Amino acid sequence: MPRRLEEEPDDEPEAAPATVVPSVPPEGQEYEYRTEVMTADQVLDGVTLPDQLTRAAADGWELVDVIAAGERHAVLLRRARRSNRAHHPVGFAPPAR
């Protein structure tokens, strides 16, 4: 009879736990960016910056950051990249009567 130890070594190494990586469609993670350069007075006057952001939001742009660049400020805006493909319905058309 073979002699058994209390703890036998495993013949198979334990597999590392799988890392779950969320999949995001490419069109959901691509943005286009633009900047608007403004003076410090325009940023702080309470009128110019909100007006520019309102006009930009009408085209789908959203504020990312206001970056100080010396005496001026760069307003960084982004929006989701628009697809170049046209939407084509798929499937069968209903029968004509």
PDB file of N, CA and C in Angstrom:
ATOM      1  N   MET A   1       0.844  -1.155   0.000  1.00  0.00           N
ATOM      2  CA  MET A   1       0.000   0.000   0.000  1.00  0.00           C
ATOM      3  C   MET A   1       0.907   1.241   0.000  1.00  0.00           C
ATOM      4  N   PRO A   2       0.582   2.204  -0.903  1.00  0.00           N
ATOM      5  CA  PRO A   2       1.419   3.395  -0.952  1.00  0.00           C
ATOM      6  C   PRO A   2       1.202   4.265   0.287  1.00  0.00           C
ATOM      7  N   ARG A   3       2.250   4.864   0.691  1.00  0.00           N
ATOM      8  CA  ARG A   3       2.210   5.709   1.863  1.00  0.00           C
ATOM      9  C   ARG A   3       1.667   7.095   1.476  1.00  0.00           C
ATOM     10  N   ARG A   4       0.718   7.646   2.234  1.00  0.00           N
ATOM     11  CA  ARG A   4       0.111   8.947   1.943  1.00  0.00           C
ATOM     12  C   ARG A   4       0.567   9.972   2.942  1.00  0.00           C
ATOM     13  N   LEU A   5       0.872  11.135   2.418  1.00  0.00           N
ATOM     14  CA  LEU A   5       1.183  12.245   3.294  1.00  0.00           C
ATOM     15  C   LEU A   5      -0.096  13.004   3.590  1.00  0.00           C
ATOM     16  N   GLU A   6      -0.098  13.763   4.643  1.00  0.00           N
ATOM     17  CA  GLU A   6      -1.295  14.515   4.983  1.00  0.00           C
ATOM     18  C   GLU A   6      -1.645  15.531   3.899  1.00  0.00           C
ATOM     19  N   GLU A   7      -0.635  16.156   3.326  1.00  0.00           N
ATOM     20  CA  GLU A   7      -0.874  17.128   2.268  1.00  0.00           C
ATOM     21  C   GLU A   7      -0.162  16.649   1.013  1.00  0.00           C
ATOM     22  N   GLU A   8      -0.937  16.183   0.083  1.00  0.00           N
ATOM     23  CA  GLU A   8      -0.357  15.754  -1.176  1.00  0.00           C
ATOM     24  C   GLU A   8      -0.188  16.949  -2.096  1.00  0.00           C
ATOM     25  N   PRO A   9       0.916  17.007  -2.833  1.00  0.00           N
ATOM     26  CA  PRO A   9       1.062  18.104  -3.782  1.00  0.00           C
ATOM     27  C   PRO A   9       0.076  17.946  -4.932  1.00  0.00           C
ATOM     28  N   ASP A  10      -0.437  19.059  -5.394  1.00  0.00           N
ATOM     29  CA  ASP A  10      -1.364  19.022  -6.521  1.00  0.00           C
ATOM     30  C   ASP A  10      -0.590  18.760  -7.800  1.00  0.00           C
ATOM     31  N   ASP A  11      -1.164  17.918  -8.627  1.00  0.00           N
ATOM     32  CA  ASP A  11      -0.534  17.643  -9.913  1.00  0.00           C
ATOM     33  C   ASP A  11      -0.764  18.789 -10.887  1.00  0.00           C
ATOM     34  N   GLU A  12      -1.915  19.445 -10.769  1.00  0.00           N
ATOM     35  CA  GLU A  12      -2.252  20.543 -11.674  1.00  0.00           C
ATOM     36  C   GLU A  12      -2.051  21.875 -10.966  1.00  0.00           C
ATOM     37  N   PRO A  13      -1.334  22.809 -11.602  1.00  0.00           N
ATOM     38  CA  PRO A  13      -1.227  24.133 -10.981  1.00  0.00           C
ATOM     39  C   PRO A  13      -2.567  24.850 -11.055  1.00  0.00           C
ATOM     40  N   GLU A  14      -2.826  25.625 -10.022  1.00  0.00           N
ATOM     41  CA  GLU A  14      -4.097  26.349 -10.006  1.00  0.00           C
ATOM     42  C   GLU A  14      -4.083  27.437 -11.061  1.00  0.00           C
ATOM     43  N   ALA A  15      -5.183  27.556 -11.764  1.00  0.00           N
ATOM     44  CA  ALA A  15      -5.293  28.584 -12.801  1.00  0.00           C
ATOM     45  C   ALA A  15      -5.505  29.941 -12.150  1.00  0.00           C
ATOM     46  N   ALA A  16      -4.899  30.954 -12.735  1.00  0.00           N
ATOM     47  CA  ALA A  16      -5.080  32.310 -12.227  1.00  0.00           C
ATOM     48  C   ALA A  16      -6.505  32.760 -12.514  1.00  0.00           C
ATOM     49  N   PRO A  17      -7.099  33.537 -11.625  1.00  0.00           N
ATOM     50  CA  PRO A  17      -8.468  33.993 -11.874  1.00  0.00           C
ATOM     51  C   PRO A  17      -8.511  34.877 -13.126  1.00  0.00           C
ATOM     52  N   ALA A  18      -9.554  34.702 -13.889  1.00  0.00           N
ATOM     53  CA  ALA A  18      -9.721  35.475 -15.119  1.00  0.00           C
ATOM     54  C   ALA A  18     -10.045  36.928 -14.776  1.00  0.00           C
ATOM     55  N   THR A  19      -9.429  37.833 -15.502  1.00  0.00           N
ATOM     56  CA  THR A  19      -9.700  39.244 -15.318  1.00  0.00           C
ATOM     57  C   THR A  19     -10.832  39.651 -16.238  1.00  0.00           C
ATOM     58  N   VAL A  20     -11.829  40.274 -15.665  1.00  0.00           N
ATOM     59  CA  VAL A  20     -12.976  40.695 -16.455  1.00  0.00           C
ATOM     60  C   VAL A  20     -12.691  42.082 -17.004  1.00  0.00           C
ATOM     61  N   VAL A  21     -12.681  42.192 -18.317  1.00  0.00           N
ATOM     62  CA  VAL A  21     -12.461  43.475 -18.966  1.00  0.00           C
ATOM     63  C   VAL A  21     -13.744  43.836 -19.699  1.00  0.00           C
ATOM     64  N   PRO A  22     -14.353  44.966 -19.339  1.00  0.00           N
ATOM     65  CA  PRO A  22     -15.598  45.323 -20.023  1.00  0.00           C
ATOM     66  C   PRO A  22     -15.321  45.657 -21.483  1.00  0.00           C
ATOM     67  N   SER A  23     -16.213  45.234 -22.322  1.00  0.00           N
ATOM     68  CA  SER A  23     -16.061  45.562 -23.736  1.00  0.00           C
ATOM     69  C   SER A  23     -16.927  46.768 -24.059  1.00  0.00           C
ATOM     70  N   VAL A  24     -16.312  47.740 -24.685  1.00  0.00           N
ATOM     71  CA  VAL A  24     -17.002  48.961 -25.058  1.00  0.00           C
ATOM     72  C   VAL A  24     -16.907  49.082 -26.563  1.00  0.00           C
ATOM     73  N   PRO A  25     -18.017  49.309 -27.233  1.00  0.00           N
ATOM     74  CA  PRO A  25     -17.938  49.450 -28.681  1.00  0.00           C
ATOM     75  C   PRO A  25     -17.063  50.629 -29.054  1.00  0.00           C
ATOM     76  N   PRO A  26     -16.319  50.517 -30.150  1.00  0.00           N
ATOM     77  CA  PRO A  26     -15.396  51.593 -30.520  1.00  0.00           C
ATOM     78  C   PRO A  26     -16.066  52.948 -30.676  1.00  0.00           C
ATOM     79  N   GLU A  27     -17.282  52.994 -31.181  1.00  0.00           N
ATOM     80  CA  GLU A  27     -17.932  54.284 -31.360  1.00  0.00           C
ATOM     81  C   GLU A  27     -18.336  54.902 -30.028  1.00  0.00           C
ATOM     82  N   GLY A  28     -18.371  54.132 -28.959  1.00  0.00           N
ATOM     83  CA  GLY A  28     -18.734  54.661 -27.663  1.00  0.00           C
ATOM     84  C   GLY A  28     -17.566  55.274 -26.913  1.00  0.00           C
ATOM     85  N   GLN A  29     -16.352  55.098 -27.406  1.00  0.00           N
ATOM     86  CA  GLN A  29     -15.214  55.609 -26.666  1.00  0.00           C
ATOM     87  C   GLN A  29     -14.367  56.598 -27.465  1.00  0.00           C
ATOM     88  N   GLU A  30     -14.788  56.985 -28.633  1.00  0.00           N
ATOM     89  CA  GLU A  30     -14.018  57.929 -29.428  1.00  0.00           C
ATOM     90  C   GLU A  30     -14.660  59.312 -29.361  1.00  0.00           C
ATOM     91  N   TYR A  31     -13.826  60.290 -29.101  1.00  0.00           N
ATOM     92  CA  TYR A  31     -14.280  61.666 -29.008  1.00  0.00           C
ATOM     93  C   TYR A  31     -13.448  62.540 -29.937  1.00  0.00           C
ATOM     94  N   GLU A  32     -14.027  63.648 -30.325  1.00  0.00           N
ATOM     95  CA  GLU A  32     -13.264  64.674 -30.995  1.00  0.00           C
ATOM     96  C   GLU A  32     -13.213  65.863 -30.048  1.00  0.00           C
ATOM     97  N   TYR A  33     -12.107  66.569 -30.068  1.00  0.00           N
ATOM     98  CA  TYR A  33     -11.876  67.656 -29.125  1.00  0.00           C
ATOM     99  C   TYR A  33     -11.676  68.970 -29.867  1.00  0.00           C
ATOM    100  N   ARG A  34     -11.957  70.061 -29.183  1.00  0.00           N
ATOM    101  CA  ARG A  34     -11.652  71.391 -29.694  1.00  0.00           C
ATOM    102  C   ARG A  34     -11.395  72.307 -28.509  1.00  0.00           C
ATOM    103  N   THR A  35     -10.695  73.395 -28.762  1.00  0.00           N
ATOM    104  CA  THR A  35     -10.406  74.358 -27.706  1.00  0.00           C
ATOM    105  C   THR A  35     -10.878  75.746 -28.117  1.00  0.00           C
ATOM    106  N   GLU A  36     -11.235  76.524 -27.148  1.00  0.00           N
ATOM    107  CA  GLU A  36     -11.581  77.936 -27.311  1.00  0.00           C
ATOM    108  C   GLU A  36     -10.623  78.702 -26.408  1.00  0.00           C
ATOM    109  N   VAL A  37      -9.931  79.689 -26.944  1.00  0.00           N
ATOM    110  CA  VAL A  37      -9.007  80.486 -26.144  1.00  0.00           C
ATOM    111  C   VAL A  37      -9.728  81.748 -25.691  1.00  0.00           C
ATOM    112  N   MET A  38      -9.653  82.015 -24.376  1.00  0.00           N
ATOM    113  CA  MET A  38     -10.334  83.160 -23.777  1.00  0.00           C
ATOM    114  C   MET A  38      -9.382  83.861 -22.823  1.00  0.00           C
ATOM    115  N   THR A  39      -9.635  85.127 -22.579  1.00  0.00           N
ATOM    116  CA  THR A  39      -8.867  85.860 -21.575  1.00  0.00           C
ATOM    117  C   THR A  39      -9.416  85.518 -20.191  1.00  0.00           C
ATOM    118  N   ALA A  40      -8.631  85.855 -19.180  1.00  0.00           N
ATOM    119  CA  ALA A  40      -9.074  85.605 -17.809  1.00  0.00           C
ATOM    120  C   ALA A  40     -10.332  86.415 -17.490  1.00  0.00           C
ATOM    121  N   ASP A  41     -10.413  87.638 -18.036  1.00  0.00           N
ATOM    122  CA  ASP A  41     -11.607  88.464 -17.801  1.00  0.00           C
ATOM    123  C   ASP A  41     -12.854  87.826 -18.395  1.00  0.00           C
ATOM    124  N   GLN A  42     -12.739  87.216 -19.585  1.00  0.00           N
ATOM    125  CA  GLN A  42     -13.891  86.558 -20.215  1.00  0.00           C
ATOM    126  C   GLN A  42     -14.343  85.341 -19.414  1.00  0.00           C
ATOM    127  N   VAL A  43     -13.391  84.609 -18.853  1.00  0.00           N
ATOM    128  CA  VAL A  43     -13.739  83.423 -18.058  1.00  0.00           C
ATOM    129  C   VAL A  43     -14.448  83.829 -16.770  1.00  0.00           C
ATOM    130  N   LEU A  44     -14.023  84.932 -16.184  1.00  0.00           N
ATOM    131  CA  LEU A  44     -14.526  85.326 -14.863  1.00  0.00           C
ATOM    132  C   LEU A  44     -15.692  86.300 -14.885  1.00  0.00           C
ATOM    133  N   ASP A  45     -16.055  86.859 -16.045  1.00  0.00           N
ATOM    134  CA  ASP A  45     -17.114  87.879 -16.050  1.00  0.00           C
ATOM    135  C   ASP A  45     -18.509  87.305 -15.834  1.00  0.00           C
ATOM    136  N   GLY A  46     -18.681  85.997 -15.937  1.00  0.00           N
ATOM    137  CA  GLY A  46     -19.980  85.381 -15.668  1.00  0.00           C
ATOM    138  C   GLY A  46     -20.946  85.420 -16.834  1.00  0.00           C
ATOM    139  N   VAL A  47     -20.537  85.940 -17.985  1.00  0.00           N
ATOM    140  CA  VAL A  47     -21.424  86.037 -19.138  1.00  0.00           C
ATOM    141  C   VAL A  47     -20.832  85.322 -20.358  1.00  0.00           C
ATOM    142  N   THR A  48     -19.569  85.608 -20.677  1.00  0.00           N
ATOM    143  CA  THR A  48     -18.954  85.110 -21.910  1.00  0.00           C
ATOM    144  C   THR A  48     -18.826  83.589 -21.917  1.00  0.00           C
ATOM    145  N   LEU A  49     -18.269  83.016 -20.867  1.00  0.00           N
ATOM    146  CA  LEU A  49     -18.080  81.561 -20.812  1.00  0.00           C
ATOM    147  C   LEU A  49     -19.414  80.811 -20.858  1.00  0.00           C
ATOM    148  N   PRO A  50     -20.419  81.184 -20.058  1.00  0.00           N
ATOM    149  CA  PRO A  50     -21.700  80.473 -20.153  1.00  0.00           C
ATOM    150  C   PRO A  50     -22.345  80.589 -21.541  1.00  0.00           C
ATOM    151  N   ASP A  51     -22.215  81.750 -22.186  1.00  0.00           N
ATOM    152  CA  ASP A  51     -22.766  81.903 -23.541  1.00  0.00           C
ATOM    153  C   ASP A  51     -22.077  80.977 -24.528  1.00  0.00           C
ATOM    154  N   GLN A  52     -20.749  80.892 -24.453  1.00  0.00           N
ATOM    155  CA  GLN A  52     -20.017  80.009 -25.366  1.00  0.00           C
ATOM    156  C   GLN A  52     -20.356  78.545 -25.106  1.00  0.00           C
ATOM    157  N   LEU A  53     -20.498  78.171 -23.843  1.00  0.00           N
ATOM    158  CA  LEU A  53     -20.840  76.783 -23.519  1.00  0.00           C
ATOM    159  C   LEU A  53     -22.256  76.437 -23.985  1.00  0.00           C
ATOM    160  N   THR A  54     -23.168  77.391 -23.898  1.00  0.00           N
ATOM    161  CA  THR A  54     -24.537  77.158 -24.361  1.00  0.00           C
ATOM    162  C   THR A  54     -24.569  76.947 -25.870  1.00  0.00           C
ATOM    163  N   ARG A  55     -23.842  77.784 -26.611  1.00  0.00           N
ATOM    164  CA  ARG A  55     -23.781  77.622 -28.071  1.00  0.00           C
ATOM    165  C   ARG A  55     -23.109  76.308 -28.459  1.00  0.00           C
ATOM    166  N   ALA A  56     -22.047  75.940 -27.749  1.00  0.00           N
ATOM    167  CA  ALA A  56     -21.341  74.695 -28.048  1.00  0.00           C
ATOM    168  C   ALA A  56     -22.214  73.479 -27.724  1.00  0.00           C
ATOM    169  N   ALA A  57     -22.987  73.559 -26.650  1.00  0.00           N
ATOM    170  CA  ALA A  57     -23.851  72.432 -26.257  1.00  0.00           C
ATOM    171  C   ALA A  57     -24.932  72.176 -27.295  1.00  0.00           C
ATOM    172  N   ALA A  58     -25.344  73.205 -28.014  1.00  0.00           N
ATOM    173  CA  ALA A  58     -26.353  73.018 -29.058  1.00  0.00           C
ATOM    174  C   ALA A  58     -25.822  72.132 -30.183  1.00  0.00           C
ATOM    175  N   ASP A  59     -24.506  72.108 -30.371  1.00  0.00           N
ATOM    176  CA  ASP A  59     -23.886  71.253 -31.390  1.00  0.00           C
ATOM    177  C   ASP A  59     -23.371  69.941 -30.811  1.00  0.00           C
ATOM    178  N   GLY A  60     -23.649  69.661 -29.546  1.00  0.00           N
ATOM    179  CA  GLY A  60     -23.247  68.395 -28.941  1.00  0.00           C
ATOM    180  C   GLY A  60     -21.934  68.442 -28.182  1.00  0.00           C
ATOM    181  N   TRP A  61     -21.331  69.616 -28.026  1.00  0.00           N
ATOM    182  CA  TRP A  61     -20.063  69.738 -27.310  1.00  0.00           C
ATOM    183  C   TRP A  61     -20.322  69.834 -25.816  1.00  0.00           C
ATOM    184  N   GLU A  62     -19.410  69.254 -25.021  1.00  0.00           N
ATOM    185  CA  GLU A  62     -19.505  69.347 -23.569  1.00  0.00           C
ATOM    186  C   GLU A  62     -18.167  69.808 -23.000  1.00  0.00           C
ATOM    187  N   LEU A  63     -18.222  70.491 -21.875  1.00  0.00           N
ATOM    188  CA  LEU A  63     -17.027  71.034 -21.240  1.00  0.00           C
ATOM    189  C   LEU A  63     -16.232  69.913 -20.590  1.00  0.00           C
ATOM    190  N   VAL A  64     -14.921  69.886 -20.860  1.00  0.00           N
ATOM    191  CA  VAL A  64     -14.029  68.922 -20.226  1.00  0.00           C
ATOM    192  C   VAL A  64     -13.203  69.612 -19.152  1.00  0.00           C
ATOM    193  N   ASP A  65     -12.594  70.761 -19.508  1.00  0.00           N
ATOM    194  CA  ASP A  65     -11.713  71.427 -18.562  1.00  0.00           C
ATOM    195  C   ASP A  65     -11.449  72.860 -19.017  1.00  0.00           C
ATOM    196  N   VAL A  66     -11.072  73.695 -18.078  1.00  0.00           N
ATOM    197  CA  VAL A  66     -10.582  75.038 -18.377  1.00  0.00           C
ATOM    198  C   VAL A  66      -9.130  75.041 -17.922  1.00  0.00           C
ATOM    199  N   ILE A  67      -8.214  75.246 -18.872  1.00  0.00           N
ATOM    200  CA  ILE A  67      -6.786  75.114 -18.607  1.00  0.00           C
ATOM    201  C   ILE A  67      -6.153  76.507 -18.636  1.00  0.00           C
ATOM    202  N   ALA A  68      -5.480  76.880 -17.542  1.00  0.00           N
ATOM    203  CA  ALA A  68      -4.794  78.163 -17.472  1.00  0.00           C
ATOM    204  C   ALA A  68      -3.543  78.086 -18.334  1.00  0.00           C
ATOM    205  N   ALA A  69      -3.386  79.066 -19.214  1.00  0.00           N
ATOM    206  CA  ALA A  69      -2.227  79.125 -20.102  1.00  0.00           C
ATOM    207  C   ALA A  69      -1.673  80.545 -20.075  1.00  0.00           C
ATOM    208  N   GLY A  70      -1.022  80.883 -18.996  1.00  0.00           N
ATOM    209  CA  GLY A  70      -0.497  82.237 -18.844  1.00  0.00           C
ATOM    210  C   GLY A  70      -1.619  83.217 -18.567  1.00  0.00           C
ATOM    211  N   GLU A  71      -1.710  84.266 -19.394  1.00  0.00           N
ATOM    212  CA  GLU A  71      -2.757  85.269 -19.222  1.00  0.00           C
ATOM    213  C   GLU A  71      -4.070  84.845 -19.866  1.00  0.00           C
ATOM    214  N   ARG A  72      -4.059  83.775 -20.595  1.00  0.00           N
ATOM    215  CA  ARG A  72      -5.262  83.289 -21.275  1.00  0.00           C
ATOM    216  C   ARG A  72      -5.659  81.930 -20.718  1.00  0.00           C
ATOM    217  N   HIS A  73      -6.849  81.499 -21.080  1.00  0.00           N
ATOM    218  CA  HIS A  73      -7.345  80.193 -20.667  1.00  0.00           C
ATOM    219  C   HIS A  73      -7.820  79.442 -21.903  1.00  0.00           C
ATOM    220  N   ALA A  74      -7.550  78.145 -21.926  1.00  0.00           N
ATOM    221  CA  ALA A  74      -8.040  77.294 -23.005  1.00  0.00           C
ATOM    222  C   ALA A  74      -9.219  76.504 -22.468  1.00  0.00           C
ATOM    223  N   VAL A  75     -10.351  76.632 -23.115  1.00  0.00           N
ATOM    224  CA  VAL A  75     -11.553  75.891 -22.736  1.00  0.00           C
ATOM    225  C   VAL A  75     -11.586  74.646 -23.610  1.00  0.00           C
ATOM    226  N   LEU A  76     -11.440  73.471 -22.985  1.00  0.00           N
ATOM    227  CA  LEU A  76     -11.386  72.202 -23.710  1.00  0.00           C
ATOM    228  C   LEU A  76     -12.783  71.606 -23.785  1.00  0.00           C
ATOM    229  N   LEU A  77     -13.248  71.340 -25.001  1.00  0.00           N
ATOM    230  CA  LEU A  77     -14.575  70.784 -25.238  1.00  0.00           C
ATOM    231  C   LEU A  77     -14.431  69.452 -25.968  1.00  0.00           C
ATOM    232  N   ARG A  78     -15.397  68.556 -25.793  1.00  0.00           N
ATOM    233  CA  ARG A  78     -15.396  67.293 -26.529  1.00  0.00           C
ATOM    234  C   ARG A  78     -16.815  66.915 -26.901  1.00  0.00           C
ATOM    235  N   ARG A  79     -16.924  66.067 -27.920  1.00  0.00           N
ATOM    236  CA  ARG A  79     -18.208  65.452 -28.273  1.00  0.00           C
ATOM    237  C   ARG A  79     -17.911  64.091 -28.865  1.00  0.00           C
ATOM    238  N   ALA A  80     -18.888  63.227 -28.824  1.00  0.00           N
ATOM    239  CA  ALA A  80     -18.719  61.879 -29.366  1.00  0.00           C
ATOM    240  C   ALA A  80     -18.501  61.974 -30.869  1.00  0.00           C
ATOM    241  N   ARG A  81     -17.553  61.185 -31.350  1.00  0.00           N
ATOM    242  CA  ARG A  81     -17.255  61.193 -32.776  1.00  0.00           C
ATOM    243  C   ARG A  81     -18.462  60.667 -33.525  1.00  0.00           C
ATOM    244  N   ARG A  82     -18.828  61.369 -34.548  1.00  0.00           N
ATOM    245  CA  ARG A  82     -19.992  60.972 -35.337  1.00  0.00           C
ATOM    246  C   ARG A  82     -19.596  59.917 -36.354  1.00  0.00           C
ATOM    247  N   SER A  83     -20.461  58.942 -36.527  1.00  0.00           N
ATOM    248  CA  SER A  83     -20.196  57.848 -37.448  1.00  0.00           C
ATOM    249  C   SER A  83     -20.331  58.321 -38.888  1.00  0.00           C
ATOM    250  N   ASN A  84     -19.452  57.801 -39.749  1.00  0.00           N
ATOM    251  CA  ASN A  84     -19.515  58.145 -41.168  1.00  0.00           C
ATOM    252  C   ASN A  84     -20.493  57.255 -41.917  1.00  0.00           C
ATOM    253  N   ARG A  85     -20.943  56.218 -41.258  1.00  0.00           N
ATOM    254  CA  ARG A  85     -21.859  55.286 -41.913  1.00  0.00           C
ATOM    255  C   ARG A  85     -23.298  55.746 -41.777  1.00  0.00           C
ATOM    256  N   ALA A  86     -24.048  55.544 -42.832  1.00  0.00           N
ATOM    257  CA  ALA A  86     -25.475  55.866 -42.794  1.00  0.00           C
ATOM    258  C   ALA A  86     -26.222  54.683 -42.196  1.00  0.00           C
ATOM    259  N   HIS A  87     -27.322  54.954 -41.543  1.00  0.00           N
ATOM    260  CA  HIS A  87     -28.138  53.897 -40.944  1.00  0.00           C
ATOM    261  C   HIS A  87     -28.991  53.252 -42.029  1.00  0.00           C
ATOM    262  N   HIS A  88     -28.843  51.941 -42.163  1.00  0.00           N
ATOM    263  CA  HIS A  88     -29.647  51.184 -43.130  1.00  0.00           C
ATOM    264  C   HIS A  88     -30.465  50.145 -42.377  1.00  0.00           C
ATOM    265  N   PRO A  89     -31.780  50.199 -42.497  1.00  0.00           N
ATOM    266  CA  PRO A  89     -32.586  49.180 -41.821  1.00  0.00           C
ATOM    267  C   PRO A  89     -32.310  47.808 -42.439  1.00  0.00           C
ATOM    268  N   VAL A  90     -32.382  46.783 -41.600  1.00  0.00           N
ATOM    269  CA  VAL A  90     -32.110  45.435 -42.044  1.00  0.00           C
ATOM    270  C   VAL A  90     -33.372  44.603 -41.858  1.00  0.00           C
ATOM    271  N   GLY A  91     -33.570  43.656 -42.729  1.00  0.00           N
ATOM    272  CA  GLY A  91     -34.708  42.769 -42.594  1.00  0.00           C
ATOM    273  C   GLY A  91     -35.607  42.828 -43.811  1.00  0.00           C
ATOM    274  N   PHE A  92     -36.766  42.237 -43.660  1.00  0.00           N
ATOM    275  CA  PHE A  92     -37.701  42.163 -44.776  1.00  0.00           C
ATOM    276  C   PHE A  92     -38.751  43.276 -44.653  1.00  0.00           C
ATOM    277  N   ALA A  93     -39.134  43.787 -45.763  1.00  0.00           N
ATOM    278  CA  ALA A  93     -40.202  44.802 -45.790  1.00  0.00           C
ATOM    279  C   ALA A  93     -41.545  44.086 -45.662  1.00  0.00           C
ATOM    280  N   PRO A  94     -42.524  44.720 -45.056  1.00  0.00           N
ATOM    281  CA  PRO A  94     -43.837  44.092 -44.966  1.00  0.00           C
ATOM    282  C   PRO A  94     -44.434  43.937 -46.358  1.00  0.00           C
ATOM    283  N   PRO A  95     -45.261  42.919 -46.563  1.00  0.00           N
ATOM    284  CA  PRO A  95     -45.843  42.695 -47.887  1.00  0.00           C
ATOM    285  C   PRO A  95     -46.734  43.865 -48.306  1.00  0.00           C
ATOM    286  N   ALA A  96     -46.645  44.203 -49.577  1.00  0.00           N
ATOM    287  CA  ALA A  96     -47.477  45.283 -50.112  1.00  0.00           C
ATOM    288  C   ALA A  96     -48.894  44.776 -50.332  1.00  0.00           C
ATOM    289  N   ARG A  97     -49.881  45.589 -50.081  1.00  0.00           N
ATOM    290  CA  ARG A  97     -51.268  45.138 -50.261  1.00  0.00           C
ATOM    291  C   ARG A  97     -51.895  45.830 -51.410  1.00  0.00           C
TER     292      ARG A  97
END
